[in-house]
Structure formats: C-alpha cells, structure tokens
Amino acid sequence: MSSIRIIAGVIFFCLGTASAIISTMFRTMMIGEVNRKKSEDELISYVGSTPLKTQRIFSEYRRLHPNGRLHLYARASLIVMMIALLITAVCFHIIG
C-alpha cells in the first residue's frame, strides 16, 4: 500500500469523524430548540439515539422552526461523513 493512500485514508478518516461529531452537535442543538417550545412532559431526551427518535427530532424541528437551518446542516454533515468514510474504506482497500 502506498504511503499516499495511507495519508489520504487518515485524512478522510479524520474528516469523517469530525463530521460525525458536528452532526451530533447539530442534532443536540435541534433537541434544545424543540424542547424550548414544548411543555415539561413532552420534552425529548438528549440521551440515546434510535432511527425513530432521530426522525421525530427532525420532523418536530421542521414543524416548530420552518425557517430553521439546523436540520440542513445536520444532514449535510452526515453526507460528508458517509462520503469521507467511504473514501477511507477505499484508501485502506476495505472495499473496492
């Protein structure tokens, strides 16, 4: 394996990891925005993650903040994460 592939793989792995962290931060910010407009018994927990919970967060955020952009930033960072980690897998000959 050439050293350029290894360096590129490490760089894309770091980009993918950073994008995952950023996406989680945007998701946490969306929970905060949604919880501000909900009553005490309807709050969304910050702990845990399931596909249904994530879908609820995104839909509630879009409903309560129609002009908000956090959901777009979260999705964009998830896409960057997936692409970067896919390139990492190619660089390390895991796929392709």
PDB file of N, CA and C in Angstrom:
ATOM      1  N   MET A   1       0.860  -1.174   0.000  1.00  0.00           N
ATOM      2  CA  MET A   1       0.000   0.000   0.000  1.00  0.00           C
ATOM      3  C   MET A   1       0.902   1.232   0.000  1.00  0.00           C
ATOM      4  N   SER A   2       0.608   2.149  -0.868  1.00  0.00           N
ATOM      5  CA  SER A   2       1.464   3.338  -0.961  1.00  0.00           C
ATOM      6  C   SER A   2       1.195   4.291   0.201  1.00  0.00           C
ATOM      7  N   SER A   3       2.227   5.071   0.500  1.00  0.00           N
ATOM      8  CA  SER A   3       2.104   5.991   1.635  1.00  0.00           C
ATOM      9  C   SER A   3       1.097   7.101   1.350  1.00  0.00           C
ATOM     10  N   ILE A   4       0.912   7.450   0.089  1.00  0.00           N
ATOM     11  CA  ILE A   4      -0.067   8.493  -0.254  1.00  0.00           C
ATOM     12  C   ILE A   4      -1.474   8.004   0.053  1.00  0.00           C
ATOM     13  N   ARG A   5      -1.757   6.735  -0.226  1.00  0.00           N
ATOM     14  CA  ARG A   5      -3.079   6.177   0.100  1.00  0.00           C
ATOM     15  C   ARG A   5      -3.306   6.153   1.597  1.00  0.00           C
ATOM     16  N   ILE A   6      -2.266   5.836   2.349  1.00  0.00           N
ATOM     17  CA  ILE A   6      -2.400   5.800   3.806  1.00  0.00           C
ATOM     18  C   ILE A   6      -2.662   7.202   4.346  1.00  0.00           C
ATOM     19  N   ILE A   7      -1.901   8.166   3.866  1.00  0.00           N
ATOM     20  CA  ILE A   7      -2.093   9.553   4.317  1.00  0.00           C
ATOM     21  C   ILE A   7      -3.481  10.047   3.945  1.00  0.00           C
ATOM     22  N   ALA A   8      -3.914   9.774   2.716  1.00  0.00           N
ATOM     23  CA  ALA A   8      -5.258  10.185   2.291  1.00  0.00           C
ATOM     24  C   ALA A   8      -6.320   9.483   3.135  1.00  0.00           C
ATOM     25  N   GLY A   9      -6.117   8.212   3.417  1.00  0.00           N
ATOM     26  CA  GLY A   9      -7.066   7.469   4.243  1.00  0.00           C
ATOM     27  C   GLY A   9      -7.188   8.048   5.638  1.00  0.00           C
ATOM     28  N   VAL A  10      -6.051   8.410   6.229  1.00  0.00           N
ATOM     29  CA  VAL A  10      -6.074   9.006   7.569  1.00  0.00           C
ATOM     30  C   VAL A  10      -6.766  10.359   7.543  1.00  0.00           C
ATOM     31  N   ILE A  11      -6.488  11.156   6.522  1.00  0.00           N
ATOM     32  CA  ILE A  11      -7.122  12.487   6.409  1.00  0.00           C
ATOM     33  C   ILE A  11      -8.632  12.337   6.257  1.00  0.00           C
ATOM     34  N   PHE A  12      -9.070  11.434   5.391  1.00  0.00           N
ATOM     35  CA  PHE A  12     -10.511  11.259   5.196  1.00  0.00           C
ATOM     36  C   PHE A  12     -11.174  10.631   6.421  1.00  0.00           C
ATOM     37  N   PHE A  13     -10.450   9.781   7.145  1.00  0.00           N
ATOM     38  CA  PHE A  13     -11.000   9.236   8.388  1.00  0.00           C
ATOM     39  C   PHE A  13     -11.208  10.358   9.406  1.00  0.00           C
ATOM     40  N   CYS A  14     -10.233  11.249   9.520  1.00  0.00           N
ATOM     41  CA  CYS A  14     -10.370  12.391  10.440  1.00  0.00           C
ATOM     42  C   CYS A  14     -11.528  13.292  10.021  1.00  0.00           C
ATOM     43  N   LEU A  15     -11.682  13.527   8.712  1.00  0.00           N
ATOM     44  CA  LEU A  15     -12.801  14.328   8.222  1.00  0.00           C
ATOM     45  C   LEU A  15     -14.128  13.658   8.531  1.00  0.00           C
ATOM     46  N   GLY A  16     -14.205  12.345   8.345  1.00  0.00           N
ATOM     47  CA  GLY A  16     -15.437  11.618   8.643  1.00  0.00           C
ATOM     48  C   GLY A  16     -15.783  11.653  10.121  1.00  0.00           C
ATOM     49  N   THR A  17     -14.772  11.494  10.964  1.00  0.00           N
ATOM     50  CA  THR A  17     -15.005  11.535  12.407  1.00  0.00           C
ATOM     51  C   THR A  17     -15.460  12.928  12.846  1.00  0.00           C
ATOM     52  N   ALA A  18     -14.790  13.960  12.329  1.00  0.00           N
ATOM     53  CA  ALA A  18     -15.177  15.336  12.668  1.00  0.00           C
ATOM     54  C   ALA A  18     -16.602  15.627  12.197  1.00  0.00           C
ATOM     55  N   SER A  19     -16.958  15.146  11.019  1.00  0.00           N
ATOM     56  CA  SER A  19     -18.316  15.363  10.508  1.00  0.00           C
ATOM     57  C   SER A  19     -19.354  14.653  11.365  1.00  0.00           C
ATOM     58  N   ALA A  20     -19.034  13.478  11.872  1.00  0.00           N
ATOM     59  CA  ALA A  20     -19.959  12.757  12.758  1.00  0.00           C
ATOM     60  C   ALA A  20     -20.173  13.548  14.048  1.00  0.00           C
ATOM     61  N   ILE A  21     -19.107  14.099  14.597  1.00  0.00           N
ATOM     62  CA  ILE A  21     -19.219  14.892  15.819  1.00  0.00           C
ATOM     63  C   ILE A  21     -20.033  16.149  15.568  1.00  0.00           C
ATOM     64  N   ILE A  22     -19.783  16.817  14.445  1.00  0.00           N
ATOM     65  CA  ILE A  22     -20.525  18.035  14.106  1.00  0.00           C
ATOM     66  C   ILE A  22     -22.005  17.727  13.904  1.00  0.00           C
ATOM     67  N   SER A  23     -22.303  16.615  13.246  1.00  0.00           N
ATOM     68  CA  SER A  23     -23.697  16.226  13.042  1.00  0.00           C
ATOM     69  C   SER A  23     -24.398  15.996  14.370  1.00  0.00           C
ATOM     70  N   THR A  24     -23.706  15.357  15.296  1.00  0.00           N
ATOM     71  CA  THR A  24     -24.275  15.130  16.626  1.00  0.00           C
ATOM     72  C   THR A  24     -24.515  16.453  17.349  1.00  0.00           C
ATOM     73  N   MET A  25     -23.611  17.394  17.171  1.00  0.00           N
ATOM     74  CA  MET A  25     -23.797  18.711  17.790  1.00  0.00           C
ATOM     75  C   MET A  25     -25.038  19.412  17.232  1.00  0.00           C
ATOM     76  N   PHE A  26     -25.233  19.351  15.919  1.00  0.00           N
ATOM     77  CA  PHE A  26     -26.427  19.960  15.323  1.00  0.00           C
ATOM     78  C   PHE A  26     -27.693  19.269  15.808  1.00  0.00           C
ATOM     79  N   ARG A  27     -27.652  17.951  15.942  1.00  0.00           N
ATOM     80  CA  ARG A  27     -28.806  17.207  16.446  1.00  0.00           C
ATOM     81  C   ARG A  27     -29.121  17.615  17.882  1.00  0.00           C
ATOM     82  N   THR A  28     -28.100  17.796  18.700  1.00  0.00           N
ATOM     83  CA  THR A  28     -28.286  18.243  20.079  1.00  0.00           C
ATOM     84  C   THR A  28     -28.867  19.653  20.113  1.00  0.00           C
ATOM     85  N   MET A  29     -28.406  20.510  19.227  1.00  0.00           N
ATOM     86  CA  MET A  29     -28.951  21.867  19.151  1.00  0.00           C
ATOM     87  C   MET A  29     -30.424  21.836  18.747  1.00  0.00           C
ATOM     88  N   MET A  30     -30.787  20.930  17.828  1.00  0.00           N
ATOM     89  CA  MET A  30     -32.188  20.810  17.424  1.00  0.00           C
ATOM     90  C   MET A  30     -33.048  20.346  18.589  1.00  0.00           C
ATOM     91  N   ILE A  31     -32.551  19.405  19.389  1.00  0.00           N
ATOM     92  CA  ILE A  31     -33.306  18.955  20.568  1.00  0.00           C
ATOM     93  C   ILE A  31     -33.544  20.131  21.503  1.00  0.00           C
ATOM     94  N   GLY A  32     -32.523  20.954  21.715  1.00  0.00           N
ATOM     95  CA  GLY A  32     -32.676  22.125  22.577  1.00  0.00           C
ATOM     96  C   GLY A  32     -33.720  23.090  22.056  1.00  0.00           C
ATOM     97  N   GLU A  33     -33.710  23.335  20.752  1.00  0.00           N
ATOM     98  CA  GLU A  33     -34.690  24.245  20.153  1.00  0.00           C
ATOM     99  C   GLU A  33     -36.104  23.687  20.256  1.00  0.00           C
ATOM    100  N   VAL A  34     -36.254  22.386  20.035  1.00  0.00           N
ATOM    101  CA  VAL A  34     -37.578  21.757  20.133  1.00  0.00           C
ATOM    102  C   VAL A  34     -38.064  21.784  21.577  1.00  0.00           C
ATOM    103  N   ASN A  35     -37.186  21.456  22.509  1.00  0.00           N
ATOM    104  CA  ASN A  35     -37.578  21.402  23.925  1.00  0.00           C
ATOM    105  C   ASN A  35     -37.967  22.770  24.470  1.00  0.00           C
ATOM    106  N   ARG A  36     -37.419  23.840  23.912  1.00  0.00           N
ATOM    107  CA  ARG A  36     -37.799  25.189  24.367  1.00  0.00           C
ATOM    108  C   ARG A  36     -39.274  25.480  24.119  1.00  0.00           C
ATOM    109  N   LYS A  37     -39.826  24.878  23.088  1.00  0.00           N
ATOM    110  CA  LYS A  37     -41.217  25.162  22.720  1.00  0.00           C
ATOM    111  C   LYS A  37     -42.189  24.089  23.198  1.00  0.00           C
ATOM    112  N   LYS A  38     -41.713  23.108  23.920  1.00  0.00           N
ATOM    113  CA  LYS A  38     -42.575  22.029  24.403  1.00  0.00           C
ATOM    114  C   LYS A  38     -42.800  22.166  25.896  1.00  0.00           C
ATOM    115  N   SER A  39     -43.883  21.533  26.359  1.00  0.00           N
ATOM    116  CA  SER A  39     -44.155  21.538  27.796  1.00  0.00           C
ATOM    117  C   SER A  39     -43.244  20.521  28.489  1.00  0.00           C
ATOM    118  N   GLU A  40     -43.219  20.601  29.807  1.00  0.00           N
ATOM    119  CA  GLU A  40     -42.306  19.764  30.610  1.00  0.00           C
ATOM    120  C   GLU A  40     -42.497  18.268  30.375  1.00  0.00           C
ATOM    121  N   ASP A  41     -43.715  17.819  30.145  1.00  0.00           N
ATOM    122  CA  ASP A  41     -43.959  16.386  29.978  1.00  0.00           C
ATOM    123  C   ASP A  41     -43.767  15.902  28.541  1.00  0.00           C
ATOM    124  N   GLU A  42     -43.488  16.793  27.595  1.00  0.00           N
ATOM    125  CA  GLU A  42     -43.304  16.412  26.197  1.00  0.00           C
ATOM    126  C   GLU A  42     -41.859  16.566  25.725  1.00  0.00           C
ATOM    127  N   LEU A  43     -40.922  16.772  26.635  1.00  0.00           N
ATOM    128  CA  LEU A  43     -39.542  17.028  26.256  1.00  0.00           C
ATOM    129  C   LEU A  43     -38.884  15.803  25.629  1.00  0.00           C
ATOM    130  N   ILE A  44     -37.967  16.044  24.723  1.00  0.00           N
ATOM    131  CA  ILE A  44     -37.184  14.984  24.087  1.00  0.00           C
ATOM    132  C   ILE A  44     -35.885  14.839  24.865  1.00  0.00           C
ATOM    133  N   SER A  45     -35.540  13.618  25.190  1.00  0.00           N
ATOM    134  CA  SER A  45     -34.325  13.356  25.958  1.00  0.00           C
ATOM    135  C   SER A  45     -33.089  13.541  25.081  1.00  0.00           C
ATOM    136  N   TYR A  46     -32.024  14.031  25.685  1.00  0.00           N
ATOM    137  CA  TYR A  46     -30.751  14.171  24.986  1.00  0.00           C
ATOM    138  C   TYR A  46     -30.012  12.838  24.906  1.00  0.00           C
ATOM    139  N   VAL A  47     -30.398  11.872  25.731  1.00  0.00           N
ATOM    140  CA  VAL A  47     -29.690  10.598  25.837  1.00  0.00           C
ATOM    141  C   VAL A  47     -30.312   9.580  24.895  1.00  0.00           C
ATOM    142  N   GLY A  48     -29.469   8.795  24.239  1.00  0.00           N
ATOM    143  CA  GLY A  48     -29.941   7.714  23.384  1.00  0.00           C
ATOM    144  C   GLY A  48     -30.252   8.178  21.979  1.00  0.00           C
ATOM    145  N   SER A  49     -30.189   7.217  21.067  1.00  0.00           N
ATOM    146  CA  SER A  49     -30.470   7.538  19.672  1.00  0.00           C
ATOM    147  C   SER A  49     -31.008   6.305  18.961  1.00  0.00           C
ATOM    148  N   THR A  50     -32.153   6.461  18.362  1.00  0.00           N
ATOM    149  CA  THR A  50     -32.727   5.429  17.508  1.00  0.00           C
ATOM    150  C   THR A  50     -33.184   6.117  16.227  1.00  0.00           C
ATOM    151  N   PRO A  51     -33.371   5.368  15.163  1.00  0.00           N
ATOM    152  CA  PRO A  51     -33.858   5.995  13.931  1.00  0.00           C
ATOM    153  C   PRO A  51     -35.207   6.712  14.119  1.00  0.00           C
ATOM    154  N   LEU A  52     -36.107   6.128  14.907  1.00  0.00           N
ATOM    155  CA  LEU A  52     -37.405   6.765  15.134  1.00  0.00           C
ATOM    156  C   LEU A  52     -37.260   8.070  15.917  1.00  0.00           C
ATOM    157  N   LYS A  53     -36.384   8.082  16.909  1.00  0.00           N
ATOM    158  CA  LYS A  53     -36.156   9.292  17.692  1.00  0.00           C
ATOM    159  C   LYS A  53     -35.547  10.381  16.808  1.00  0.00           C
ATOM    160  N   THR A  54     -34.585  10.010  15.974  1.00  0.00           N
ATOM    161  CA  THR A  54     -33.962  10.980  15.075  1.00  0.00           C
ATOM    162  C   THR A  54     -34.984  11.541  14.097  1.00  0.00           C
ATOM    163  N   GLN A  55     -35.846  10.686  13.571  1.00  0.00           N
ATOM    164  CA  GLN A  55     -36.889  11.147  12.655  1.00  0.00           C
ATOM    165  C   GLN A  55     -37.828  12.112  13.374  1.00  0.00           C
ATOM    166  N   ARG A  56     -38.171  11.812  14.614  1.00  0.00           N
ATOM    167  CA  ARG A  56     -39.041  12.689  15.399  1.00  0.00           C
ATOM    168  C   ARG A  56     -38.383  14.046  15.637  1.00  0.00           C
ATOM    169  N   ILE A  57     -37.092  14.040  15.955  1.00  0.00           N
ATOM    170  CA  ILE A  57     -36.377  15.293  16.192  1.00  0.00           C
ATOM    171  C   ILE A  57     -36.398  16.156  14.939  1.00  0.00           C
ATOM    172  N   PHE A  58     -36.074  15.544  13.798  1.00  0.00           N
ATOM    173  CA  PHE A  58     -36.044  16.305  12.551  1.00  0.00           C
ATOM    174  C   PHE A  58     -37.429  16.842  12.187  1.00  0.00           C
ATOM    175  N   SER A  59     -38.465  16.015  12.311  1.00  0.00           N
ATOM    176  CA  SER A  59     -39.804  16.468  11.930  1.00  0.00           C
ATOM    177  C   SER A  59     -40.335  17.529  12.895  1.00  0.00           C
ATOM    178  N   GLU A  60     -40.098  17.342  14.198  1.00  0.00           N
ATOM    179  CA  GLU A  60     -40.526  18.357  15.169  1.00  0.00           C
ATOM    180  C   GLU A  60     -39.785  19.667  14.948  1.00  0.00           C
ATOM    181  N   TYR A  61     -38.502  19.586  14.671  1.00  0.00           N
ATOM    182  CA  TYR A  61     -37.729  20.811  14.435  1.00  0.00           C
ATOM    183  C   TYR A  61     -38.259  21.549  13.204  1.00  0.00           C
ATOM    184  N   ARG A  62     -38.495  20.809  12.109  1.00  0.00           N
ATOM    185  CA  ARG A  62     -39.014  21.465  10.894  1.00  0.00           C
ATOM    186  C   ARG A  62     -40.405  22.044  11.124  1.00  0.00           C
ATOM    187  N   ARG A  63     -41.228  21.368  11.951  1.00  0.00           N
ATOM    188  CA  ARG A  63     -42.573  21.867  12.222  1.00  0.00           C
ATOM    189  C   ARG A  63     -42.532  23.134  13.073  1.00  0.00           C
ATOM    190  N   LEU A  64     -41.697  23.131  14.112  1.00  0.00           N
ATOM    191  CA  LEU A  64     -41.650  24.264  15.037  1.00  0.00           C
ATOM    192  C   LEU A  64     -40.789  25.421  14.527  1.00  0.00           C
ATOM    193  N   HIS A  65     -39.832  25.125  13.657  1.00  0.00           N
ATOM    194  CA  HIS A  65     -38.931  26.152  13.123  1.00  0.00           C
ATOM    195  C   HIS A  65     -38.882  26.027  11.604  1.00  0.00           C
ATOM    196  N   PRO A  66     -39.917  26.488  10.916  1.00  0.00           N
ATOM    197  CA  PRO A  66     -39.964  26.304   9.462  1.00  0.00           C
ATOM    198  C   PRO A  66     -38.827  27.004   8.717  1.00  0.00           C
ATOM    199  N   ASN A  67     -38.280  28.064   9.279  1.00  0.00           N
ATOM    200  CA  ASN A  67     -37.173  28.768   8.630  1.00  0.00           C
ATOM    201  C   ASN A  67     -35.817  28.358   9.192  1.00  0.00           C
ATOM    202  N   GLY A  68     -35.804  27.408  10.121  1.00  0.00           N
ATOM    203  CA  GLY A  68     -34.557  26.954  10.730  1.00  0.00           C
ATOM    204  C   GLY A  68     -33.711  26.157   9.756  1.00  0.00           C
ATOM    205  N   ARG A  69     -32.415  26.209   9.960  1.00  0.00           N
ATOM    206  CA  ARG A  69     -31.499  25.529   9.046  1.00  0.00           C
ATOM    207  C   ARG A  69     -30.682  24.425   9.707  1.00  0.00           C
ATOM    208  N   LEU A  70     -30.879  24.193  10.984  1.00  0.00           N
ATOM    209  CA  LEU A  70     -30.071  23.190  11.675  1.00  0.00           C
ATOM    210  C   LEU A  70     -30.241  21.801  11.067  1.00  0.00           C
ATOM    211  N   HIS A  71     -31.460  21.466  10.645  1.00  0.00           N
ATOM    212  CA  HIS A  71     -31.673  20.141  10.057  1.00  0.00           C
ATOM    213  C   HIS A  71     -30.901  19.980   8.749  1.00  0.00           C
ATOM    214  N   LEU A  72     -30.755  21.063   8.006  1.00  0.00           N
ATOM    215  CA  LEU A  72     -29.980  21.004   6.761  1.00  0.00           C
ATOM    216  C   LEU A  72     -28.495  20.806   7.061  1.00  0.00           C
ATOM    217  N   TYR A  73     -27.993  21.520   8.060  1.00  0.00           N
ATOM    218  CA  TYR A  73     -26.587  21.388   8.436  1.00  0.00           C
ATOM    219  C   TYR A  73     -26.298  19.987   8.975  1.00  0.00           C
ATOM    220  N   ALA A  74     -27.230  19.441   9.743  1.00  0.00           N
ATOM    221  CA  ALA A  74     -27.046  18.086  10.273  1.00  0.00           C
ATOM    222  C   ALA A  74     -27.017  17.060   9.147  1.00  0.00           C
ATOM    223  N   ARG A  75     -27.915  17.191   8.207  1.00  0.00           N
ATOM    224  CA  ARG A  75     -27.935  16.251   7.078  1.00  0.00           C
ATOM    225  C   ARG A  75     -26.691  16.404   6.203  1.00  0.00           C
ATOM    226  N   ALA A  76     -26.271  17.643   5.975  1.00  0.00           N
ATOM    227  CA  ALA A  76     -25.070  17.870   5.157  1.00  0.00           C
ATOM    228  C   ALA A  76     -23.843  17.255   5.822  1.00  0.00           C
ATOM    229  N   SER A  77     -23.719  17.423   7.131  1.00  0.00           N
ATOM    230  CA  SER A  77     -22.556  16.847   7.806  1.00  0.00           C
ATOM    231  C   SER A  77     -22.624  15.318   7.822  1.00  0.00           C
ATOM    232  N   LEU A  78     -23.816  14.745   7.872  1.00  0.00           N
ATOM    233  CA  LEU A  78     -23.943  13.289   7.771  1.00  0.00           C
ATOM    234  C   LEU A  78     -23.520  12.790   6.392  1.00  0.00           C
ATOM    235  N   ILE A  79     -23.879  13.527   5.360  1.00  0.00           N
ATOM    236  CA  ILE A  79     -23.487  13.145   3.995  1.00  0.00           C
ATOM    237  C   ILE A  79     -21.973  13.226   3.836  1.00  0.00           C
ATOM    238  N   VAL A  80     -21.377  14.308   4.355  1.00  0.00           N
ATOM    239  CA  VAL A  80     -19.918  14.437   4.306  1.00  0.00           C
ATOM    240  C   VAL A  80     -19.258  13.280   5.052  1.00  0.00           C
ATOM    241  N   MET A  81     -19.816  12.913   6.211  1.00  0.00           N
ATOM    242  CA  MET A  81     -19.271  11.803   6.982  1.00  0.00           C
ATOM    243  C   MET A  81     -19.300  10.509   6.174  1.00  0.00           C
ATOM    244  N   MET A  82     -20.443  10.213   5.556  1.00  0.00           N
ATOM    245  CA  MET A  82     -20.567   8.964   4.805  1.00  0.00           C
ATOM    246  C   MET A  82     -19.602   8.921   3.626  1.00  0.00           C
ATOM    247  N   ILE A  83     -19.482  10.033   2.904  1.00  0.00           N
ATOM    248  CA  ILE A  83     -18.577  10.074   1.758  1.00  0.00           C
ATOM    249  C   ILE A  83     -17.127   9.930   2.218  1.00  0.00           C
ATOM    250  N   ALA A  84     -16.752  10.650   3.278  1.00  0.00           N
ATOM    251  CA  ALA A  84     -15.375  10.591   3.769  1.00  0.00           C
ATOM    252  C   ALA A  84     -15.022   9.189   4.257  1.00  0.00           C
ATOM    253  N   LEU A  85     -15.929   8.536   4.955  1.00  0.00           N
ATOM    254  CA  LEU A  85     -15.638   7.191   5.442  1.00  0.00           C
ATOM    255  C   LEU A  85     -15.641   6.162   4.307  1.00  0.00           C
ATOM    256  N   LEU A  86     -16.430   6.396   3.278  1.00  0.00           N
ATOM    257  CA  LEU A  86     -16.394   5.530   2.100  1.00  0.00           C
ATOM    258  C   LEU A  86     -15.042   5.655   1.395  1.00  0.00           C
ATOM    259  N   ILE A  87     -14.560   6.879   1.245  1.00  0.00           N
ATOM    260  CA  ILE A  87     -13.245   7.094   0.633  1.00  0.00           C
ATOM    261  C   ILE A  87     -12.152   6.470   1.506  1.00  0.00           C
ATOM    262  N   THR A  88     -12.300   6.574   2.830  1.00  0.00           N
ATOM    263  CA  THR A  88     -11.343   5.939   3.742  1.00  0.00           C
ATOM    264  C   THR A  88     -11.294   4.433   3.505  1.00  0.00           C
ATOM    265  N   ALA A  89     -12.456   3.814   3.370  1.00  0.00           N
ATOM    266  CA  ALA A  89     -12.506   2.370   3.131  1.00  0.00           C
ATOM    267  C   ALA A  89     -11.838   2.005   1.808  1.00  0.00           C
ATOM    268  N   VAL A  90     -11.990   2.848   0.801  1.00  0.00           N
ATOM    269  CA  VAL A  90     -11.337   2.592  -0.485  1.00  0.00           C
ATOM    270  C   VAL A  90      -9.819   2.749  -0.338  1.00  0.00           C
ATOM    271  N   CYS A  91      -9.385   3.773   0.357  1.00  0.00           N
ATOM    272  CA  CYS A  91      -7.941   4.003   0.553  1.00  0.00           C
ATOM    273  C   CYS A  91      -7.272   2.849   1.278  1.00  0.00           C
ATOM    274  N   PHE A  92      -7.955   2.240   2.235  1.00  0.00           N
ATOM    275  CA  PHE A  92      -7.381   1.142   3.007  1.00  0.00           C
ATOM    276  C   PHE A  92      -7.740  -0.227   2.422  1.00  0.00           C
ATOM    277  N   HIS A  93      -8.273  -0.247   1.202  1.00  0.00           N
ATOM    278  CA  HIS A  93      -8.625  -1.488   0.496  1.00  0.00           C
ATOM    279  C   HIS A  93      -9.629  -2.344   1.264  1.00  0.00           C
ATOM    280  N   ILE A  94     -10.502  -1.703   2.025  1.00  0.00           N
ATOM    281  CA  ILE A  94     -11.560  -2.440   2.694  1.00  0.00           C
ATOM    282  C   ILE A  94     -12.657  -2.757   1.696  1.00  0.00           C
ATOM    283  N   ILE A  95     -12.912  -1.799   0.817  1.00  0.00           N
ATOM    284  CA  ILE A  95     -13.824  -2.028  -0.322  1.00  0.00           C
ATOM    285  C   ILE A  95     -13.126  -1.540  -1.574  1.00  0.00           C
ATOM    286  N   GLY A  96     -13.605  -1.985  -2.702  1.00  0.00           N
ATOM    287  CA  GLY A  96     -13.077  -1.508  -3.987  1.00  0.00           C
ATOM    288  C   GLY A  96     -11.802  -2.041  -4.345  1.00  0.00           C
TER     289      GLY A  96
END
